[in-house]
Amino acid sequence: MQQRPTTILRNAVRLTGMTTYKVGPKGQVVVPKAIREAIGLHPGDEVEVALDGEEIRVRRVSPPKTIHDFRGIAGPGDGMRSWDAEKRRERELEDRKDRRWSPAPQSS
């Protein structure tokens, strides 16, 4: 395939020259290299295909997040340890309130 000049315009790639491609027997279409490079599309990446009027839109899907990607999302701190300590303090306060308001045991 002949190399065509490209122009990249704010998240868009304009291919000059012939920009038509044939659909293969399995419905496959080759995404031009300039477009793959512009959006960071690599072999094995997932894409979303949507119908928009009479156009087909192909969008790269972000990789799924791992549990490690969420570390620190709540800000600095000890995470669960500080949450556990806070809950423990709340329980202690509730216990003190319950003891203060409960009737004194009756002696026989």
N, C-alpha and C. Protein backbone atom coordinates (compact mmCIF):
# COMPACT_ATOMS: atom_id res chain seq x y z
N MET A 1 0.83 -1.17 0.00
CA MET A 1 0.00 0.00 0.00
C MET A 1 0.88 1.23 0.00
N GLN A 2 0.51 2.20 -0.77
CA GLN A 2 1.28 3.42 -0.92
C GLN A 2 1.09 4.33 0.30
N GLN A 3 2.19 4.92 0.77
CA GLN A 3 2.14 5.82 1.92
C GLN A 3 1.52 7.15 1.49
N ARG A 4 0.53 7.63 2.26
CA ARG A 4 -0.13 8.89 1.95
C ARG A 4 0.24 9.92 3.01
N PRO A 5 0.36 11.20 2.62
CA PRO A 5 0.64 12.22 3.62
C PRO A 5 -0.54 12.37 4.58
N THR A 6 -0.24 12.72 5.83
CA THR A 6 -1.30 12.88 6.82
C THR A 6 -1.17 14.24 7.50
N THR A 7 -2.27 14.71 8.03
CA THR A 7 -2.29 15.93 8.82
C THR A 7 -3.04 15.61 10.10
N ILE A 8 -2.46 15.94 11.25
CA ILE A 8 -3.14 15.69 12.53
C ILE A 8 -3.70 17.02 13.03
N LEU A 9 -5.01 17.07 13.24
CA LEU A 9 -5.70 18.26 13.71
C LEU A 9 -6.44 17.95 15.00
N ARG A 10 -6.00 18.43 16.12
CA ARG A 10 -6.68 18.26 17.41
C ARG A 10 -7.49 16.97 17.51
N ASN A 11 -6.87 15.90 17.81
CA ASN A 11 -7.51 14.59 17.96
C ASN A 11 -8.16 14.07 16.69
N ALA A 12 -7.83 14.64 15.55
CA ALA A 12 -8.37 14.15 14.28
C ALA A 12 -7.20 13.98 13.33
N VAL A 13 -7.29 12.99 12.49
CA VAL A 13 -6.25 12.75 11.50
C VAL A 13 -6.91 12.86 10.13
N ARG A 14 -6.35 13.67 9.29
CA ARG A 14 -6.89 13.80 7.94
C ARG A 14 -5.91 13.11 6.99
N LEU A 15 -6.39 12.09 6.34
CA LEU A 15 -5.58 11.40 5.35
C LEU A 15 -5.86 12.05 4.00
N THR A 16 -4.80 12.43 3.33
CA THR A 16 -5.01 13.03 2.02
C THR A 16 -4.82 11.96 0.96
N GLY A 17 -5.49 12.10 -0.13
CA GLY A 17 -5.43 11.09 -1.17
C GLY A 17 -6.57 10.11 -0.98
N MET A 18 -6.43 8.92 -1.53
CA MET A 18 -7.48 7.91 -1.45
C MET A 18 -7.63 7.41 -0.02
N THR A 19 -8.83 7.48 0.51
CA THR A 19 -9.07 7.03 1.88
C THR A 19 -10.16 5.96 1.94
N THR A 20 -10.36 5.25 0.88
CA THR A 20 -11.34 4.17 0.90
C THR A 20 -10.62 2.84 1.04
N TYR A 21 -11.24 1.94 1.76
CA TYR A 21 -10.67 0.62 2.00
C TYR A 21 -11.74 -0.41 1.73
N LYS A 22 -11.32 -1.60 1.37
CA LYS A 22 -12.28 -2.68 1.13
C LYS A 22 -12.53 -3.43 2.43
N VAL A 23 -13.77 -3.85 2.58
CA VAL A 23 -14.13 -4.67 3.72
C VAL A 23 -13.79 -6.11 3.36
N GLY A 24 -13.09 -6.79 4.27
CA GLY A 24 -12.69 -8.17 4.03
C GLY A 24 -13.86 -9.13 4.16
N PRO A 25 -13.63 -10.41 3.82
CA PRO A 25 -14.72 -11.39 3.85
C PRO A 25 -15.33 -11.59 5.25
N LYS A 26 -14.59 -11.27 6.31
CA LYS A 26 -15.11 -11.42 7.68
C LYS A 26 -15.61 -10.08 8.22
N GLY A 27 -15.75 -9.07 7.35
CA GLY A 27 -16.23 -7.77 7.79
C GLY A 27 -15.14 -6.90 8.38
N GLN A 28 -13.88 -7.27 8.19
CA GLN A 28 -12.77 -6.53 8.78
C GLN A 28 -12.33 -5.38 7.88
N VAL A 29 -11.91 -4.28 8.55
CA VAL A 29 -11.36 -3.11 7.86
C VAL A 29 -10.07 -2.75 8.57
N VAL A 30 -9.05 -2.41 7.80
CA VAL A 30 -7.77 -2.02 8.39
C VAL A 30 -7.83 -0.55 8.78
N VAL A 31 -7.48 -0.26 10.04
CA VAL A 31 -7.41 1.13 10.50
C VAL A 31 -6.04 1.65 10.07
N PRO A 32 -5.99 2.75 9.32
CA PRO A 32 -4.71 3.27 8.84
C PRO A 32 -3.74 3.54 9.98
N LYS A 33 -2.46 3.32 9.70
CA LYS A 33 -1.41 3.46 10.70
C LYS A 33 -1.41 4.84 11.36
N ALA A 34 -1.60 5.90 10.56
CA ALA A 34 -1.60 7.26 11.11
C ALA A 34 -2.69 7.43 12.16
N ILE A 35 -3.85 6.84 11.92
CA ILE A 35 -4.95 6.93 12.89
C ILE A 35 -4.64 6.09 14.12
N ARG A 36 -4.12 4.87 13.92
CA ARG A 36 -3.76 4.02 15.07
C ARG A 36 -2.76 4.72 15.96
N GLU A 37 -1.76 5.34 15.34
CA GLU A 37 -0.73 6.04 16.13
C GLU A 37 -1.31 7.27 16.83
N ALA A 38 -2.21 8.00 16.16
CA ALA A 38 -2.78 9.21 16.74
C ALA A 38 -3.60 8.93 18.00
N ILE A 39 -4.29 7.78 18.04
CA ILE A 39 -5.12 7.47 19.21
C ILE A 39 -4.49 6.41 20.11
N GLY A 40 -3.29 5.97 19.78
CA GLY A 40 -2.61 4.98 20.61
C GLY A 40 -3.24 3.61 20.56
N LEU A 41 -3.69 3.20 19.39
CA LEU A 41 -4.34 1.90 19.21
C LEU A 41 -3.28 0.86 18.87
N HIS A 42 -3.26 -0.23 19.64
CA HIS A 42 -2.26 -1.29 19.46
C HIS A 42 -2.95 -2.62 19.23
N PRO A 43 -2.25 -3.59 18.62
CA PRO A 43 -2.84 -4.91 18.43
C PRO A 43 -3.34 -5.49 19.76
N GLY A 44 -4.55 -6.00 19.77
CA GLY A 44 -5.13 -6.57 20.98
C GLY A 44 -5.99 -5.59 21.76
N ASP A 45 -5.89 -4.27 21.48
CA ASP A 45 -6.73 -3.29 22.17
C ASP A 45 -8.19 -3.50 21.78
N GLU A 46 -9.09 -3.15 22.68
CA GLU A 46 -10.51 -3.26 22.39
C GLU A 46 -11.01 -1.93 21.83
N VAL A 47 -11.94 -2.03 20.89
CA VAL A 47 -12.57 -0.84 20.32
C VAL A 47 -14.07 -0.98 20.43
N GLU A 48 -14.73 0.16 20.44
CA GLU A 48 -16.19 0.20 20.44
C GLU A 48 -16.63 0.67 19.07
N VAL A 49 -17.57 -0.02 18.46
CA VAL A 49 -18.05 0.34 17.13
C VAL A 49 -19.50 0.77 17.29
N ALA A 50 -19.81 1.98 16.75
CA ALA A 50 -21.17 2.52 16.88
C ALA A 50 -21.63 3.06 15.54
N LEU A 51 -22.91 2.96 15.31
CA LEU A 51 -23.52 3.50 14.11
C LEU A 51 -23.99 4.92 14.42
N ASP A 52 -23.59 5.89 13.60
CA ASP A 52 -23.96 7.29 13.78
C ASP A 52 -24.54 7.79 12.46
N GLY A 53 -25.84 7.66 12.32
CA GLY A 53 -26.47 7.99 11.05
C GLY A 53 -26.01 6.99 10.00
N GLU A 54 -25.32 7.49 8.98
CA GLU A 54 -24.78 6.61 7.95
C GLU A 54 -23.27 6.44 8.11
N GLU A 55 -22.74 6.81 9.27
CA GLU A 55 -21.31 6.67 9.53
C GLU A 55 -21.08 5.60 10.59
N ILE A 56 -19.93 5.01 10.52
CA ILE A 56 -19.50 4.05 11.54
C ILE A 56 -18.41 4.73 12.35
N ARG A 57 -18.58 4.76 13.66
CA ARG A 57 -17.56 5.35 14.54
C ARG A 57 -16.86 4.24 15.30
N VAL A 58 -15.55 4.33 15.32
CA VAL A 58 -14.73 3.36 16.04
C VAL A 58 -13.98 4.13 17.11
N ARG A 59 -14.11 3.70 18.38
CA ARG A 59 -13.48 4.38 19.49
C ARG A 59 -12.68 3.38 20.30
N ARG A 60 -11.47 3.76 20.68
CA ARG A 60 -10.65 2.90 21.53
C ARG A 60 -11.25 2.87 22.92
N VAL A 61 -11.37 1.69 23.49
CA VAL A 61 -11.92 1.52 24.83
C VAL A 61 -10.75 1.53 25.80
N SER A 62 -10.89 2.31 26.88
CA SER A 62 -9.84 2.36 27.89
C SER A 62 -9.71 0.98 28.53
N PRO A 63 -8.48 0.59 28.88
CA PRO A 63 -8.32 -0.71 29.53
C PRO A 63 -9.04 -0.72 30.87
N PRO A 64 -9.50 -1.88 31.31
CA PRO A 64 -10.21 -1.94 32.59
C PRO A 64 -9.28 -1.54 33.73
N LYS A 65 -9.85 -0.91 34.73
CA LYS A 65 -9.07 -0.48 35.89
C LYS A 65 -8.78 -1.68 36.78
N THR A 66 -7.61 -1.68 37.37
CA THR A 66 -7.27 -2.70 38.36
C THR A 66 -7.43 -2.09 39.74
N ILE A 67 -7.44 -2.89 40.75
CA ILE A 67 -7.59 -2.41 42.13
C ILE A 67 -6.46 -1.45 42.48
N HIS A 68 -5.29 -1.66 41.89
CA HIS A 68 -4.15 -0.79 42.18
C HIS A 68 -4.34 0.61 41.62
N ASP A 69 -5.15 0.75 40.56
CA ASP A 69 -5.43 2.07 39.98
C ASP A 69 -6.25 2.94 40.93
N PHE A 70 -6.94 2.33 41.89
CA PHE A 70 -7.79 3.08 42.81
C PHE A 70 -7.08 3.45 44.11
N ARG A 71 -5.86 3.01 44.29
CA ARG A 71 -5.12 3.32 45.52
C ARG A 71 -4.97 4.83 45.65
N GLY A 72 -5.31 5.35 46.82
CA GLY A 72 -5.16 6.77 47.09
C GLY A 72 -6.28 7.64 46.56
N ILE A 73 -7.34 7.04 46.04
CA ILE A 73 -8.41 7.84 45.46
C ILE A 73 -9.12 8.69 46.51
N ALA A 74 -9.13 8.24 47.76
CA ALA A 74 -9.79 8.99 48.83
C ALA A 74 -8.87 10.01 49.46
N GLY A 75 -7.68 10.15 48.93
CA GLY A 75 -6.75 11.13 49.48
C GLY A 75 -5.75 10.46 50.41
N PRO A 76 -4.88 11.25 51.01
CA PRO A 76 -3.85 10.68 51.89
C PRO A 76 -4.48 10.11 53.15
N GLY A 77 -3.81 9.15 53.72
CA GLY A 77 -4.30 8.54 54.95
C GLY A 77 -3.95 7.07 54.99
N ASP A 78 -4.43 6.42 56.05
CA ASP A 78 -4.14 5.01 56.24
C ASP A 78 -5.18 4.11 55.61
N GLY A 79 -6.11 4.69 54.89
CA GLY A 79 -7.12 3.87 54.23
C GLY A 79 -8.03 3.20 55.23
N MET A 80 -8.09 1.88 55.21
CA MET A 80 -9.00 1.13 56.05
C MET A 80 -8.66 1.25 57.53
N ARG A 81 -7.38 1.39 57.86
CA ARG A 81 -7.01 1.50 59.27
C ARG A 81 -7.65 2.73 59.91
N SER A 82 -7.58 3.87 59.21
CA SER A 82 -8.17 5.08 59.78
C SER A 82 -9.70 4.96 59.81
N TRP A 83 -10.29 4.31 58.82
CA TRP A 83 -11.74 4.11 58.82
C TRP A 83 -12.14 3.21 59.99
N ASP A 84 -11.39 2.12 60.20
CA ASP A 84 -11.67 1.22 61.33
C ASP A 84 -11.57 1.96 62.66
N ALA A 85 -10.53 2.78 62.82
CA ALA A 85 -10.34 3.52 64.06
C ALA A 85 -11.50 4.50 64.28
N GLU A 86 -11.95 5.14 63.23
CA GLU A 86 -13.07 6.08 63.35
C GLU A 86 -14.34 5.34 63.76
N LYS A 87 -14.60 4.20 63.15
CA LYS A 87 -15.79 3.42 63.50
C LYS A 87 -15.71 2.92 64.95
N ARG A 88 -14.52 2.54 65.38
CA ARG A 88 -14.32 2.08 66.76
C ARG A 88 -14.66 3.21 67.74
N ARG A 89 -14.18 4.43 67.45
CA ARG A 89 -14.48 5.59 68.31
C ARG A 89 -15.98 5.86 68.35
N GLU A 90 -16.64 5.76 67.20
CA GLU A 90 -18.09 5.99 67.16
C GLU A 90 -18.83 4.96 68.03
N ARG A 91 -18.39 3.69 67.97
CA ARG A 91 -19.03 2.65 68.79
C ARG A 91 -18.83 2.91 70.27
N GLU A 92 -17.62 3.36 70.64
CA GLU A 92 -17.33 3.66 72.05
C GLU A 92 -18.21 4.80 72.55
N LEU A 93 -18.38 5.84 71.73
CA LEU A 93 -19.26 6.95 72.11
C LEU A 93 -20.69 6.48 72.29
N GLU A 94 -21.17 5.64 71.37
CA GLU A 94 -22.53 5.10 71.48
C GLU A 94 -22.69 4.25 72.74
N ASP A 95 -21.67 3.46 73.07
CA ASP A 95 -21.73 2.63 74.29
C ASP A 95 -21.80 3.51 75.53
N ARG A 96 -21.02 4.61 75.56
CA ARG A 96 -21.04 5.52 76.71
C ARG A 96 -22.42 6.16 76.85
N LYS A 97 -23.00 6.58 75.71
CA LYS A 97 -24.34 7.18 75.76
C LYS A 97 -25.35 6.16 76.28
N ASP A 98 -25.26 4.92 75.80
CA ASP A 98 -26.19 3.89 76.24
C ASP A 98 -26.07 3.66 77.74
N ARG A 99 -24.85 3.61 78.27
CA ARG A 99 -24.65 3.38 79.71
C ARG A 99 -25.19 4.56 80.53
N ARG A 100 -25.01 5.78 80.00
CA ARG A 100 -25.46 6.97 80.71
C ARG A 100 -26.98 7.01 80.79
N TRP A 101 -27.68 6.59 79.74
CA TRP A 101 -29.12 6.69 79.69
C TRP A 101 -29.84 5.42 80.15
N SER A 102 -29.12 4.36 80.35
CA SER A 102 -29.80 3.14 80.79
C SER A 102 -30.07 3.23 82.29
N PRO A 103 -31.19 2.65 82.73
CA PRO A 103 -31.51 2.71 84.17
C PRO A 103 -30.48 1.94 84.99
N ALA A 104 -30.26 2.43 86.21
CA ALA A 104 -29.29 1.78 87.11
C ALA A 104 -29.86 0.43 87.54
N PRO A 105 -28.99 -0.55 87.70
CA PRO A 105 -29.48 -1.87 88.14
C PRO A 105 -30.09 -1.76 89.55
N GLN A 106 -31.17 -2.44 89.77
CA GLN A 106 -31.85 -2.42 91.05
C GLN A 106 -31.25 -3.46 91.98
N SER A 107 -31.00 -3.06 93.23
CA SER A 107 -30.47 -4.02 94.19
C SER A 107 -31.62 -4.68 94.92
N SER A 108 -31.45 -5.94 95.28
CA SER A 108 -32.54 -6.62 95.95
C SER A 108 -32.34 -6.68 97.41
